[in-house]
């Protein structure tokens, strides 16, 4: 069943656009090779100048989980962790 992963990020102060650019780059570079990835969009939050929300479409919960584990193991998200002020929150909906 297709799902959406809604990921909420809190960038370090003043680094929202750098984080946004990095997330878009990861999606463009690694997304096409991730089995089950259908695309994503990154939004700036209106009420928080350091907030971002990414909404990613996946073929299934399993595909999303496996892709995230593989990306973490490969260190793909390491630069993202340098730009966030707090742990990000993921909600999967279907």
C-alpha atoms as a PDB file:
ATOM      1  CA  UNK A   1       0.000   0.000   0.000  1.00  0.00           C
ATOM      2  CA  UNK A   2       1.445   3.427  -0.914  1.00  0.00           C
ATOM      3  CA  UNK A   3       2.337   5.697   1.993  1.00  0.00           C
ATOM      4  CA  UNK A   4       3.538   9.192   2.708  1.00  0.00           C
ATOM      5  CA  UNK A   5       6.322   9.854   5.173  1.00  0.00           C
ATOM      6  CA  UNK A   6       5.980  13.276   6.793  1.00  0.00           C
ATOM      7  CA  UNK A   7       9.307  14.352   8.298  1.00  0.00           C
ATOM      8  CA  UNK A   8       9.532  17.460  10.484  1.00  0.00           C
ATOM      9  CA  UNK A   9      12.938  19.142  10.776  1.00  0.00           C
ATOM     10  CA  UNK A  10      14.157  21.913  13.041  1.00  0.00           C
ATOM     11  CA  UNK A  11      17.209  23.493  11.410  1.00  0.00           C
ATOM     12  CA  UNK A  12      19.907  25.160  13.436  1.00  0.00           C
ATOM     13  CA  UNK A  13      19.178  28.901  13.551  1.00  0.00           C
ATOM     14  CA  UNK A  14      19.825  30.514  10.185  1.00  0.00           C
ATOM     15  CA  UNK A  15      20.526  27.215   8.388  1.00  0.00           C
ATOM     16  CA  UNK A  16      17.073  26.364   7.080  1.00  0.00           C
ATOM     17  CA  UNK A  17      17.868  27.080   3.432  1.00  0.00           C
ATOM     18  CA  UNK A  18      21.101  25.086   3.594  1.00  0.00           C
ATOM     19  CA  UNK A  19      19.195  22.151   5.102  1.00  0.00           C
ATOM     20  CA  UNK A  20      16.427  22.516   2.526  1.00  0.00           C
ATOM     21  CA  UNK A  21      18.957  22.455  -0.311  1.00  0.00           C
ATOM     22  CA  UNK A  22      20.694  19.422   1.166  1.00  0.00           C
ATOM     23  CA  UNK A  23      17.417  17.491   1.522  1.00  0.00           C
ATOM     24  CA  UNK A  24      16.473  18.278  -2.066  1.00  0.00           C
ATOM     25  CA  UNK A  25      19.915  17.165  -3.245  1.00  0.00           C
ATOM     26  CA  UNK A  26      19.702  13.864  -1.369  1.00  0.00           C
ATOM     27  CA  UNK A  27      16.269  13.228  -2.833  1.00  0.00           C
ATOM     28  CA  UNK A  28      17.438  14.025  -6.378  1.00  0.00           C
ATOM     29  CA  UNK A  29      20.673  12.048  -6.106  1.00  0.00           C
ATOM     30  CA  UNK A  30      19.683   9.016  -4.065  1.00  0.00           C
ATOM     31  CA  UNK A  31      15.905   8.913  -4.450  1.00  0.00           C
ATOM     32  CA  UNK A  32      15.854   7.468  -7.979  1.00  0.00           C
ATOM     33  CA  UNK A  33      17.987   4.502  -6.879  1.00  0.00           C
ATOM     34  CA  UNK A  34      15.960   3.758  -3.724  1.00  0.00           C
ATOM     35  CA  UNK A  35      13.513   0.929  -4.408  1.00  0.00           C
ATOM     36  CA  UNK A  36       9.972   2.097  -3.780  1.00  0.00           C
ATOM     37  CA  UNK A  37      10.727   5.835  -3.660  1.00  0.00           C
ATOM     38  CA  UNK A  38       8.123   7.825  -5.580  1.00  0.00           C
ATOM     39  CA  UNK A  39       9.294  11.394  -4.886  1.00  0.00           C
ATOM     40  CA  UNK A  40       9.280  14.079  -2.225  1.00  0.00           C
ATOM     41  CA  UNK A  41       8.735  17.764  -1.628  1.00  0.00           C
ATOM     42  CA  UNK A  42      10.339  19.934   1.050  1.00  0.00           C
ATOM     43  CA  UNK A  43       8.316  22.800   2.505  1.00  0.00           C
ATOM     44  CA  UNK A  44       9.352  25.712   4.718  1.00  0.00           C
ATOM     45  CA  UNK A  45       7.056  26.127   7.705  1.00  0.00           C
ATOM     46  CA  UNK A  46       5.157  29.393   7.923  1.00  0.00           C
ATOM     47  CA  UNK A  47       5.165  29.741  11.715  1.00  0.00           C
ATOM     48  CA  UNK A  48       8.805  28.809  12.397  1.00  0.00           C
ATOM     49  CA  UNK A  49      11.693  30.387  10.511  1.00  0.00           C
ATOM     50  CA  UNK A  50      13.869  27.325  11.125  1.00  0.00           C
ATOM     51  CA  UNK A  51      11.266  24.641  10.440  1.00  0.00           C
ATOM     52  CA  UNK A  52      10.995  22.375   7.405  1.00  0.00           C
ATOM     53  CA  UNK A  53       8.625  19.570   6.500  1.00  0.00           C
ATOM     54  CA  UNK A  54       9.418  16.939   3.891  1.00  0.00           C
ATOM     55  CA  UNK A  55       6.600  14.830   2.486  1.00  0.00           C
ATOM     56  CA  UNK A  56       7.896  11.727   0.706  1.00  0.00           C
ATOM     57  CA  UNK A  57       5.856   9.217  -1.268  1.00  0.00           C
ATOM     58  CA  UNK A  58       6.751   5.529  -1.038  1.00  0.00           C
ATOM     59  CA  UNK A  59       5.318   2.329  -2.475  1.00  0.00           C
ATOM     60  CA  UNK A  60       5.088   0.769   1.004  1.00  0.00           C
ATOM     61  CA  UNK A  61       6.091   1.029   4.653  1.00  0.00           C
ATOM     62  CA  UNK A  62       8.615  -1.747   4.064  1.00  0.00           C
ATOM     63  CA  UNK A  63      10.258   0.033   1.123  1.00  0.00           C
ATOM     64  CA  UNK A  64      10.571   3.250   3.103  1.00  0.00           C
ATOM     65  CA  UNK A  65      11.998   1.488   6.158  1.00  0.00           C
ATOM     66  CA  UNK A  66      14.554  -0.488   4.173  1.00  0.00           C
ATOM     67  CA  UNK A  67      15.658   2.576   2.184  1.00  0.00           C
ATOM     68  CA  UNK A  68      16.138   4.663   5.321  1.00  0.00           C
ATOM     69  CA  UNK A  69      18.159   1.907   7.009  1.00  0.00           C
ATOM     70  CA  UNK A  70      20.373   1.549   3.927  1.00  0.00           C
ATOM     71  CA  UNK A  71      20.877   5.314   3.685  1.00  0.00           C
ATOM     72  CA  UNK A  72      21.770   5.566   7.381  1.00  0.00           C
ATOM     73  CA  UNK A  73      24.259   2.711   7.074  1.00  0.00           C
ATOM     74  CA  UNK A  74      25.848   4.395   4.039  1.00  0.00           C
ATOM     75  CA  UNK A  75      26.138   7.740   5.869  1.00  0.00           C
ATOM     76  CA  UNK A  76      23.920   9.571   3.387  1.00  0.00           C
ATOM     77  CA  UNK A  77      22.069  11.434   6.152  1.00  0.00           C
ATOM     78  CA  UNK A  78      25.177  12.345   8.194  1.00  0.00           C
ATOM     79  CA  UNK A  79      25.409  15.889   6.731  1.00  0.00           C
ATOM     80  CA  UNK A  80      21.723  16.442   7.561  1.00  0.00           C
ATOM     81  CA  UNK A  81      22.384  15.654  11.209  1.00  0.00           C
ATOM     82  CA  UNK A  82      24.965  18.453  11.287  1.00  0.00           C
ATOM     83  CA  UNK A  83      22.302  21.012  10.296  1.00  0.00           C
ATOM     84  CA  UNK A  84      19.439  20.043  12.615  1.00  0.00           C
ATOM     85  CA  UNK A  85      18.917  21.534  16.063  1.00  0.00           C
ATOM     86  CA  UNK A  86      16.792  18.660  17.350  1.00  0.00           C
ATOM     87  CA  UNK A  87      15.898  15.096  16.395  1.00  0.00           C
ATOM     88  CA  UNK A  88      13.526  15.023  13.454  1.00  0.00           C
ATOM     89  CA  UNK A  89      10.052  13.528  13.708  1.00  0.00           C
ATOM     90  CA  UNK A  90       8.644  11.048  11.196  1.00  0.00           C
ATOM     91  CA  UNK A  91       4.967  10.210  10.761  1.00  0.00           C
ATOM     92  CA  UNK A  92       3.966   7.623   8.154  1.00  0.00           C
ATOM     93  CA  UNK A  93       0.452   7.869   6.784  1.00  0.00           C
ATOM     94  CA  UNK A  94      -1.408   5.753   4.271  1.00  0.00           C
END
